[in-house]
């Protein structure tokens, strides 16, 4: 069943029934209107993080992702839907190839200049209107307000991309005789079932919604198997593994490229329980310094 998911969708519109997908899922905490009876459109009135957890539990895979107007300047949105931490959450739901319909121009106004690069572990190309997979962005949003309060039509700013998961080989190192050390170019949340512990590095203290006191950081750290990497040395991480009898450890990037000392600490570590350490990253260059060391 081909599925389109629209983040911060706003209200239901009957035109969505005509979209070339068998299932349409609208995610918006403040959505007011429900679909018609026998509709192929489903409205999830909840914050996006909870909604994605629900869809993961249901085994949903996304063929088309829409993000046009998340309401940061007006509408109650608290964070960018295509930010690093959100893409990490989305990643396990995204098919190896999917269509992205979005408005990237707003992110330069928000000083989030990394987002328009779409550096997520996917290759991407722009689809032109002549492509059969193209859907006019204006269908999802008439426009948005920029940081100066000016209304801009979405047809002018919206783009359609074909996104394809990059075929990047995993890095496996033999720097330790008893611990397998690896680097994976994917979201750590794709391997939750394979890991005994997940080191989380999220600095974002923005609330998950305008009606919640829970921050993005708190939300991530409430997830099963997680612990906070912030400020930890590799020695402290390895001690944490011994204390909690962890065999398979997954880590997000957290050392801002300064991994030389951490690698030396791994080399000299004598494990009782630890069998593998896997470093995960989405950005193409996030762990280049580590790759050179192992």
Protein backbone atom coordinates (compact mmCIF):
# COMPACT_ATOMS: atom_id res chain seq x y z
CA UNK A 1 0.00 0.00 0.00
CA UNK A 2 1.67 3.22 -1.16
CA UNK A 3 1.59 5.80 1.62
CA UNK A 4 1.90 9.58 1.74
CA UNK A 5 2.60 11.23 5.11
CA UNK A 6 2.09 14.98 5.56
CA UNK A 7 3.81 16.55 8.59
CA UNK A 8 2.14 19.57 10.26
CA UNK A 9 -0.60 19.14 7.71
CA UNK A 10 -3.22 21.55 8.96
CA UNK A 11 -6.75 20.68 7.97
CA UNK A 12 -8.09 17.86 5.84
CA UNK A 13 -9.05 18.76 2.26
CA UNK A 14 -11.17 16.66 -0.08
CA UNK A 15 -8.57 17.08 -2.82
CA UNK A 16 -6.33 14.69 -0.86
CA UNK A 17 -8.69 11.87 -1.84
CA UNK A 18 -7.47 12.27 -5.44
CA UNK A 19 -3.77 11.89 -4.66
CA UNK A 20 -2.09 8.89 -6.38
CA UNK A 21 -1.49 7.04 -3.11
CA UNK A 22 -3.60 4.36 -1.46
CA UNK A 23 -3.13 5.79 2.04
CA UNK A 24 -2.78 9.42 3.16
CA UNK A 25 -1.73 10.15 6.76
CA UNK A 26 -2.04 13.70 8.07
CA UNK A 27 -0.11 14.53 11.26
CA UNK A 28 -1.08 17.70 13.06
CA UNK A 29 -1.71 18.24 16.77
CA UNK A 30 -4.11 21.09 15.97
CA UNK A 31 -6.01 19.55 13.04
CA UNK A 32 -9.72 20.41 13.32
CA UNK A 33 -11.49 18.54 10.53
CA UNK A 34 -11.95 14.82 10.09
CA UNK A 35 -12.13 13.04 6.72
CA UNK A 36 -15.33 11.79 5.14
CA UNK A 37 -16.60 8.27 5.74
CA UNK A 38 -14.74 5.59 3.74
CA UNK A 39 -11.88 8.03 3.20
CA UNK A 40 -8.34 6.87 2.44
CA UNK A 41 -7.14 9.81 4.56
CA UNK A 42 -6.25 9.30 8.22
CA UNK A 43 -5.77 12.23 10.60
CA UNK A 44 -3.46 11.83 13.61
CA UNK A 45 -4.15 14.61 16.12
CA UNK A 46 -0.97 14.26 18.16
CA UNK A 47 2.54 15.67 18.28
CA UNK A 48 4.68 14.43 15.43
CA UNK A 49 7.10 12.38 17.58
CA UNK A 50 4.31 10.34 19.14
CA UNK A 51 2.70 9.96 15.73
CA UNK A 52 5.89 8.57 14.21
CA UNK A 53 6.25 6.09 17.08
CA UNK A 54 2.70 4.93 16.38
CA UNK A 55 3.39 4.52 12.67
CA UNK A 56 6.59 2.58 13.41
CA UNK A 57 4.66 0.20 15.65
CA UNK A 58 2.20 -0.33 12.78
CA UNK A 59 4.95 -1.08 10.28
CA UNK A 60 4.12 1.90 8.07
CA UNK A 61 6.59 2.73 5.28
CA UNK A 62 6.53 6.16 3.63
CA UNK A 63 6.53 6.52 -0.16
CA UNK A 64 5.93 10.27 -0.17
CA UNK A 65 6.77 12.74 2.62
CA UNK A 66 5.25 16.23 2.61
CA UNK A 67 6.40 19.15 4.73
CA UNK A 68 5.27 22.58 3.56
CA UNK A 69 4.38 24.87 6.45
CA UNK A 70 5.21 23.75 9.96
CA UNK A 71 3.95 26.95 11.56
CA UNK A 72 7.13 28.05 13.33
CA UNK A 73 6.46 31.71 12.58
CA UNK A 74 2.71 31.35 13.03
CA UNK A 75 0.59 28.37 13.95
CA UNK A 76 2.15 26.91 17.07
CA UNK A 77 5.05 24.94 15.58
CA UNK A 78 8.04 24.68 17.93
CA UNK A 79 10.76 23.07 15.81
CA UNK A 80 11.82 22.30 12.25
CA UNK A 81 10.28 19.11 10.91
CA UNK A 82 13.35 18.40 8.76
CA UNK A 83 15.94 19.00 11.49
CA UNK A 84 18.56 16.36 12.29
CA UNK A 85 16.74 14.83 15.25
CA UNK A 86 13.47 14.63 13.28
CA UNK A 87 15.05 13.03 10.23
CA UNK A 88 16.61 10.47 12.56
CA UNK A 89 13.13 9.61 13.79
CA UNK A 90 11.70 9.53 10.27
CA UNK A 91 14.48 7.42 8.80
CA UNK A 92 13.20 3.96 9.82
CA UNK A 93 9.84 4.74 8.20
CA UNK A 94 11.22 6.00 4.89
CA UNK A 95 11.40 3.58 1.98
CA UNK A 96 14.72 3.17 0.20
CA UNK A 97 13.26 5.47 -2.45
CA UNK A 98 10.60 8.06 -1.73
CA UNK A 99 9.26 11.42 -2.93
CA UNK A 100 9.84 14.52 -0.78
CA UNK A 101 7.58 17.54 -1.29
CA UNK A 102 8.74 20.46 0.80
CA UNK A 103 9.51 24.13 1.17
CA UNK A 104 13.21 24.50 1.98
CA UNK A 105 13.53 28.26 1.58
CA UNK A 106 12.12 28.98 5.05
CA UNK A 107 15.04 27.25 6.75
CA UNK A 108 17.59 29.85 5.73
CA UNK A 109 15.38 32.39 7.50
CA UNK A 110 15.50 30.16 10.59
CA UNK A 111 19.31 30.02 10.37
CA UNK A 112 19.13 26.27 9.82
CA UNK A 113 21.26 26.30 6.70
CA UNK A 114 22.14 22.60 6.83
CA UNK A 115 18.59 21.46 6.09
CA UNK A 116 18.41 22.65 2.45
CA UNK A 117 21.43 20.43 1.70
CA UNK A 118 19.26 17.37 2.50
CA UNK A 119 22.33 15.69 4.01
CA UNK A 120 20.47 12.73 5.47
CA UNK A 121 22.17 9.64 4.05
CA UNK A 122 20.08 9.96 0.87
CA UNK A 123 20.98 10.92 -2.67
CA UNK A 124 18.46 13.32 -4.19
CA UNK A 125 17.40 14.86 -7.48
CA UNK A 126 14.83 17.56 -8.20
CA UNK A 127 11.74 16.37 -10.08
CA UNK A 128 10.36 18.63 -12.75
CA UNK A 129 6.63 19.12 -13.30
CA UNK A 130 6.82 16.90 -16.40
CA UNK A 131 7.73 13.88 -14.27
CA UNK A 132 4.80 11.52 -13.64
CA UNK A 133 5.69 11.39 -9.93
CA UNK A 134 5.52 15.16 -9.54
CA UNK A 135 2.72 16.63 -7.40
CA UNK A 136 2.28 20.38 -7.30
CA UNK A 137 3.32 21.64 -3.82
CA UNK A 138 0.55 24.22 -3.96
CA UNK A 139 -1.96 21.40 -3.52
CA UNK A 140 -0.81 21.01 0.11
CA UNK A 141 -0.39 24.61 1.12
CA UNK A 142 -1.45 27.88 -0.45
CA UNK A 143 1.56 29.58 1.09
CA UNK A 144 3.33 30.54 4.28
CA UNK A 145 4.50 33.56 6.24
CA UNK A 146 8.22 34.27 6.33
CA UNK A 147 10.22 35.80 9.19
CA UNK A 148 9.19 39.32 8.11
CA UNK A 149 5.49 38.49 8.17
CA UNK A 150 5.19 38.44 4.37
CA UNK A 151 2.94 35.88 2.71
CA UNK A 152 4.62 33.80 -0.01
CA UNK A 153 2.76 31.41 -2.32
CA UNK A 154 3.97 27.82 -2.01
CA UNK A 155 4.01 27.35 -5.79
CA UNK A 156 6.96 29.72 -5.94
CA UNK A 157 8.95 28.02 -3.19
CA UNK A 158 7.89 24.39 -2.96
CA UNK A 159 10.06 21.69 -4.57
CA UNK A 160 9.67 17.99 -5.30
CA UNK A 161 12.60 15.61 -4.87
CA UNK A 162 13.23 11.94 -5.50
CA UNK A 163 15.19 10.68 -2.50
CA UNK A 164 17.22 7.44 -2.65
CA UNK A 165 19.06 5.88 0.28
CA UNK A 166 22.77 6.16 -0.37
CA UNK A 167 24.60 2.87 -0.92
CA UNK A 168 27.37 3.50 1.58
CA UNK A 169 29.35 0.52 2.81
CA UNK A 170 29.58 0.04 6.57
CA UNK A 171 33.03 0.52 8.07
CA UNK A 172 34.30 -2.35 10.22
CA UNK A 173 37.55 -2.01 12.16
CA UNK A 174 39.86 -4.57 13.75
CA UNK A 175 41.53 -2.15 16.14
CA UNK A 176 40.39 -4.24 19.12
CA UNK A 177 40.75 -8.05 19.26
CA UNK A 178 37.57 -8.58 21.32
CA UNK A 179 35.27 -5.71 20.30
CA UNK A 180 33.90 -5.18 16.82
CA UNK A 181 34.05 -1.45 15.98
CA UNK A 182 31.82 -0.21 13.17
CA UNK A 183 30.49 2.95 11.53
CA UNK A 184 27.06 3.02 9.84
CA UNK A 185 25.70 5.78 7.61
CA UNK A 186 22.09 5.53 8.78
CA UNK A 187 19.85 6.50 11.69
CA UNK A 188 20.60 4.80 14.98
CA UNK A 189 16.83 4.37 15.43
CA UNK A 190 16.84 1.87 12.54
CA UNK A 191 18.80 -0.62 14.67
CA UNK A 192 17.04 -0.33 18.02
CA UNK A 193 16.33 -4.08 18.11
CA UNK A 194 20.02 -4.90 17.56
CA UNK A 195 21.39 -2.65 20.30
CA UNK A 196 21.48 -3.07 24.06
CA UNK A 197 22.15 0.63 24.70
CA UNK A 198 21.87 3.83 22.66
CA UNK A 199 24.00 6.87 23.44
CA UNK A 200 21.94 9.97 22.66
CA UNK A 201 23.47 13.35 21.87
CA UNK A 202 20.65 15.88 21.50
CA UNK A 203 21.08 19.44 22.74
CA UNK A 204 17.62 20.70 21.74
CA UNK A 205 15.61 21.95 24.74
CA UNK A 206 12.70 23.16 22.58
CA UNK A 207 9.30 21.71 23.65
CA UNK A 208 7.93 18.93 21.46
CA UNK A 209 4.75 20.98 21.02
CA UNK A 210 3.26 24.28 22.13
CA UNK A 211 1.13 22.41 24.68
CA UNK A 212 3.90 20.32 26.25
CA UNK A 213 6.61 20.99 28.82
CA UNK A 214 8.68 18.05 27.54
CA UNK A 215 11.71 19.05 25.46
CA UNK A 216 13.06 17.21 22.43
CA UNK A 217 16.07 16.17 24.51
CA UNK A 218 13.90 14.81 27.35
CA UNK A 219 11.71 12.97 24.88
CA UNK A 220 14.69 11.20 23.30
CA UNK A 221 16.14 10.23 26.66
CA UNK A 222 12.85 8.66 27.75
CA UNK A 223 13.14 6.14 24.95
CA UNK A 224 14.02 2.57 25.84
CA UNK A 225 17.74 1.74 26.06
CA UNK A 226 18.92 5.37 25.85
CA UNK A 227 21.44 7.26 27.96
CA UNK A 228 22.81 10.80 27.69
CA UNK A 229 26.18 11.14 25.93
CA UNK A 230 26.53 14.85 26.64
CA UNK A 231 29.84 15.56 28.36
CA UNK A 232 30.82 11.88 28.61
CA UNK A 233 34.29 10.62 27.80
CA UNK A 234 34.81 7.26 26.14
CA UNK A 235 36.13 5.88 29.44
CA UNK A 236 32.86 6.86 31.14
CA UNK A 237 30.87 5.27 28.30
CA UNK A 238 32.84 2.03 28.57
CA UNK A 239 32.37 2.00 32.35
CA UNK A 240 28.63 2.49 31.77
CA UNK A 241 28.65 -0.61 29.55
CA UNK A 242 30.41 -2.68 32.19
CA UNK A 243 28.09 -1.50 34.96
CA UNK A 244 24.95 -2.33 32.95
CA UNK A 245 26.32 -5.48 31.28
CA UNK A 246 25.90 -4.06 27.78
CA UNK A 247 27.06 -6.20 24.85
CA UNK A 248 26.07 -4.15 21.79
CA UNK A 249 26.44 -0.37 22.02
CA UNK A 250 25.24 2.27 19.54
CA UNK A 251 26.45 5.88 19.65
CA UNK A 252 25.40 9.09 17.91
CA UNK A 253 28.12 11.62 16.95
CA UNK A 254 28.95 13.64 20.06
CA UNK A 255 32.65 14.59 20.15
CA UNK A 256 32.69 17.21 17.37
CA UNK A 257 35.38 15.31 15.49
CA UNK A 258 37.79 14.91 18.42
CA UNK A 259 37.86 11.09 18.46
CA UNK A 260 41.62 10.40 18.72
CA UNK A 261 41.65 10.00 22.50
CA UNK A 262 38.42 7.98 22.43
CA UNK A 263 39.93 5.50 19.95
CA UNK A 264 43.01 5.05 22.13
CA UNK A 265 40.77 4.43 25.16
CA UNK A 266 38.86 1.75 23.23
CA UNK A 267 42.12 0.06 22.21
CA UNK A 268 43.27 -0.29 25.82
CA UNK A 269 39.87 -1.38 27.20
CA UNK A 270 39.51 -4.91 28.61
CA UNK A 271 35.84 -5.88 28.22
CA UNK A 272 33.85 -8.26 30.35
CA UNK A 273 30.54 -7.84 28.49
CA UNK A 274 31.01 -5.45 25.57
CA UNK A 275 31.18 -7.13 22.13
CA UNK A 276 30.47 -4.31 19.68
CA UNK A 277 30.50 -0.50 19.41
CA UNK A 278 28.74 1.01 16.40
CA UNK A 279 28.89 4.70 15.56
CA UNK A 280 25.89 6.02 13.60
CA UNK A 281 25.68 9.17 11.49
CA UNK A 282 23.36 10.71 8.86
CA UNK A 283 25.52 13.56 7.55
CA UNK A 284 28.04 12.41 4.91
CA UNK A 285 31.01 13.95 6.67
CA UNK A 286 29.93 13.65 10.32
CA UNK A 287 32.39 10.90 11.24
CA UNK A 288 35.22 11.41 8.73
CA UNK A 289 37.76 12.10 11.54
CA UNK A 290 36.77 8.82 13.20
CA UNK A 291 37.01 6.87 9.93
CA UNK A 292 40.58 8.05 9.51
CA UNK A 293 41.48 6.80 12.99
CA UNK A 294 40.06 3.30 12.82
